[in-house]
Amino acid sequence: MTLLELVVWLTLGFTGYQFWRIRAISEHAYSYLKRYCDTHQLQLLSVARAKTRFSFQFGKPDWHSTFNFEFSSNGEDRYSGEAELVGLRVIRTEVPPHRV
């Protein structure tokens, strides 16, 4: 095995690991938002990752992701909220004023 082959395999492995890391963050965000909506008696309609970038917050390199989600409070209206995560840590969750 040459050095070039080793570098290619390491790059492929690192890329694959980062792909699965971002998938794990997305799944964690969905489960968090599902619990959040259940706790506040809201219906979660959809979740989408809006932005992901690399950051060095909290003393380690990790992915800083922003998720947009839609929810309903009465089954007829639709509202949009935003959740921000660094790695698996939830930084903030914003929801607009909505009918109860």
C-alpha atoms as a PDB file:
ATOM      1  CA  MET A   1       0.000   0.000   0.000  1.00  0.00           C
ATOM      2  CA  THR A   2       1.417   3.326  -1.026  1.00  0.00           C
ATOM      3  CA  LEU A   3       1.112   6.572   0.856  1.00  0.00           C
ATOM      4  CA  LEU A   4      -1.352   7.889  -1.739  1.00  0.00           C
ATOM      5  CA  GLU A   5      -3.643   4.874  -1.243  1.00  0.00           C
ATOM      6  CA  LEU A   6      -3.477   5.327   2.517  1.00  0.00           C
ATOM      7  CA  VAL A   7      -4.423   9.002   2.223  1.00  0.00           C
ATOM      8  CA  VAL A   8      -7.319   8.154  -0.108  1.00  0.00           C
ATOM      9  CA  TRP A   9      -8.649   5.480   2.307  1.00  0.00           C
ATOM     10  CA  LEU A  10      -8.321   7.788   5.294  1.00  0.00           C
ATOM     11  CA  THR A  11     -10.110  10.580   3.417  1.00  0.00           C
ATOM     12  CA  LEU A  12     -12.935   8.235   2.416  1.00  0.00           C
ATOM     13  CA  GLY A  13     -13.237   6.969   5.983  1.00  0.00           C
ATOM     14  CA  PHE A  14     -13.289  10.474   7.439  1.00  0.00           C
ATOM     15  CA  THR A  15     -15.889  11.608   4.888  1.00  0.00           C
ATOM     16  CA  GLY A  16     -18.083   8.603   5.666  1.00  0.00           C
ATOM     17  CA  TYR A  17     -17.773   9.214   9.396  1.00  0.00           C
ATOM     18  CA  GLN A  18     -18.796  12.882   8.978  1.00  0.00           C
ATOM     19  CA  PHE A  19     -21.790  11.845   6.855  1.00  0.00           C
ATOM     20  CA  TRP A  20     -23.011   9.513   9.606  1.00  0.00           C
ATOM     21  CA  ARG A  21     -22.298  12.158  12.247  1.00  0.00           C
ATOM     22  CA  ILE A  22     -24.502  14.682  10.430  1.00  0.00           C
ATOM     23  CA  ARG A  23     -27.218  12.002  10.072  1.00  0.00           C
ATOM     24  CA  ALA A  24     -27.048  11.327  13.825  1.00  0.00           C
ATOM     25  CA  ILE A  25     -27.392  15.060  14.531  1.00  0.00           C
ATOM     26  CA  SER A  26     -30.443  15.249  12.229  1.00  0.00           C
ATOM     27  CA  GLU A  27     -32.076  12.265  13.936  1.00  0.00           C
ATOM     28  CA  HIS A  28     -31.374  13.758  17.359  1.00  0.00           C
ATOM     29  CA  ALA A  29     -32.892  17.079  16.250  1.00  0.00           C
ATOM     30  CA  TYR A  30     -36.032  15.311  15.049  1.00  0.00           C
ATOM     31  CA  SER A  31     -36.460  13.386  18.296  1.00  0.00           C
ATOM     32  CA  TYR A  32     -35.799  16.547  20.348  1.00  0.00           C
ATOM     33  CA  LEU A  33     -38.356  18.546  18.354  1.00  0.00           C
ATOM     34  CA  LYS A  34     -40.888  15.721  18.644  1.00  0.00           C
ATOM     35  CA  ARG A  35     -40.472  15.744  22.457  1.00  0.00           C
ATOM     36  CA  TYR A  36     -40.595  19.553  22.499  1.00  0.00           C
ATOM     37  CA  CYS A  37     -43.867  19.626  20.562  1.00  0.00           C
ATOM     38  CA  ASP A  38     -45.383  16.844  22.676  1.00  0.00           C
ATOM     39  CA  THR A  39     -44.435  18.705  25.865  1.00  0.00           C
ATOM     40  CA  HIS A  40     -46.028  21.940  24.644  1.00  0.00           C
ATOM     41  CA  GLN A  41     -49.090  20.172  23.170  1.00  0.00           C
ATOM     42  CA  LEU A  42     -48.179  20.977  19.567  1.00  0.00           C
ATOM     43  CA  GLN A  43     -48.292  18.817  16.467  1.00  0.00           C
ATOM     44  CA  LEU A  44     -44.949  18.495  14.669  1.00  0.00           C
ATOM     45  CA  LEU A  45     -45.510  18.662  10.912  1.00  0.00           C
ATOM     46  CA  SER A  46     -42.039  18.700   9.336  1.00  0.00           C
ATOM     47  CA  VAL A  47     -38.349  19.156  10.098  1.00  0.00           C
ATOM     48  CA  ALA A  48     -35.662  20.290   7.643  1.00  0.00           C
ATOM     49  CA  ARG A  49     -31.987  21.121   8.099  1.00  0.00           C
ATOM     50  CA  ALA A  50     -31.472  24.686   6.888  1.00  0.00           C
ATOM     51  CA  LYS A  51     -27.751  25.135   7.434  1.00  0.00           C
ATOM     52  CA  THR A  52     -24.756  23.137   8.639  1.00  0.00           C
ATOM     53  CA  ARG A  53     -21.256  24.464   9.138  1.00  0.00           C
ATOM     54  CA  PHE A  54     -18.153  23.434  11.011  1.00  0.00           C
ATOM     55  CA  SER A  55     -17.481  25.288  14.276  1.00  0.00           C
ATOM     56  CA  PHE A  56     -15.211  25.185  17.314  1.00  0.00           C
ATOM     57  CA  GLN A  57     -17.725  25.997  20.056  1.00  0.00           C
ATOM     58  CA  PHE A  58     -17.516  24.365  23.489  1.00  0.00           C
ATOM     59  CA  GLY A  59     -13.835  23.520  23.125  1.00  0.00           C
ATOM     60  CA  LYS A  60     -14.054  20.941  20.357  1.00  0.00           C
ATOM     61  CA  PRO A  61     -14.673  20.909  16.625  1.00  0.00           C
ATOM     62  CA  ASP A  62     -18.218  19.902  15.731  1.00  0.00           C
ATOM     63  CA  TRP A  63     -21.097  20.676  13.379  1.00  0.00           C
ATOM     64  CA  HIS A  64     -23.233  23.762  14.006  1.00  0.00           C
ATOM     65  CA  SER A  65     -26.664  23.043  12.494  1.00  0.00           C
ATOM     66  CA  THR A  66     -29.848  25.039  12.121  1.00  0.00           C
ATOM     67  CA  PHE A  67     -33.155  23.241  11.616  1.00  0.00           C
ATOM     68  CA  ASN A  68     -36.449  24.729  10.478  1.00  0.00           C
ATOM     69  CA  PHE A  69     -39.581  22.972  11.640  1.00  0.00           C
ATOM     70  CA  GLU A  70     -43.284  23.442  11.154  1.00  0.00           C
ATOM     71  CA  PHE A  71     -45.902  22.780  13.787  1.00  0.00           C
ATOM     72  CA  SER A  72     -49.591  23.263  14.403  1.00  0.00           C
ATOM     73  CA  SER A  73     -51.286  24.218  17.623  1.00  0.00           C
ATOM     74  CA  ASN A  74     -54.887  23.514  16.644  1.00  0.00           C
ATOM     75  CA  GLY A  75     -54.623  21.258  13.585  1.00  0.00           C
ATOM     76  CA  GLU A  76     -55.587  24.013  11.144  1.00  0.00           C
ATOM     77  CA  ASP A  77     -52.820  26.618  11.334  1.00  0.00           C
ATOM     78  CA  ARG A  78     -49.179  26.104  10.385  1.00  0.00           C
ATOM     79  CA  TYR A  79     -46.289  27.898  12.101  1.00  0.00           C
ATOM     80  CA  SER A  80     -42.545  27.791  11.491  1.00  0.00           C
ATOM     81  CA  GLY A  81     -39.922  27.552  14.211  1.00  0.00           C
ATOM     82  CA  GLU A  82     -36.168  27.186  14.352  1.00  0.00           C
ATOM     83  CA  ALA A  83     -33.821  25.030  16.417  1.00  0.00           C
ATOM     84  CA  GLU A  84     -30.053  25.401  16.609  1.00  0.00           C
ATOM     85  CA  LEU A  85     -27.685  22.596  17.623  1.00  0.00           C
ATOM     86  CA  VAL A  86     -23.948  22.277  18.066  1.00  0.00           C
ATOM     87  CA  GLY A  87     -23.232  18.596  17.793  1.00  0.00           C
ATOM     88  CA  LEU A  88     -25.981  16.929  19.815  1.00  0.00           C
ATOM     89  CA  ARG A  89     -26.369  19.904  22.169  1.00  0.00           C
ATOM     90  CA  VAL A  90     -29.429  22.096  21.655  1.00  0.00           C
ATOM     91  CA  ILE A  91     -28.451  25.770  21.802  1.00  0.00           C
ATOM     92  CA  ARG A  92     -31.825  27.415  21.215  1.00  0.00           C
ATOM     93  CA  THR A  93     -35.362  26.737  20.078  1.00  0.00           C
ATOM     94  CA  GLU A  94     -37.503  29.579  18.765  1.00  0.00           C
ATOM     95  CA  VAL A  95     -41.227  29.412  18.095  1.00  0.00           C
ATOM     96  CA  PRO A  96     -43.406  32.328  16.996  1.00  0.00           C
ATOM     97  CA  PRO A  97     -46.491  33.391  18.935  1.00  0.00           C
ATOM     98  CA  HIS A  98     -49.263  30.950  18.106  1.00  0.00           C
ATOM     99  CA  ARG A  99     -52.845  30.169  19.071  1.00  0.00           C
ATOM    100  CA  VAL A 100     -53.418  27.734  21.864  1.00  0.00           C
END
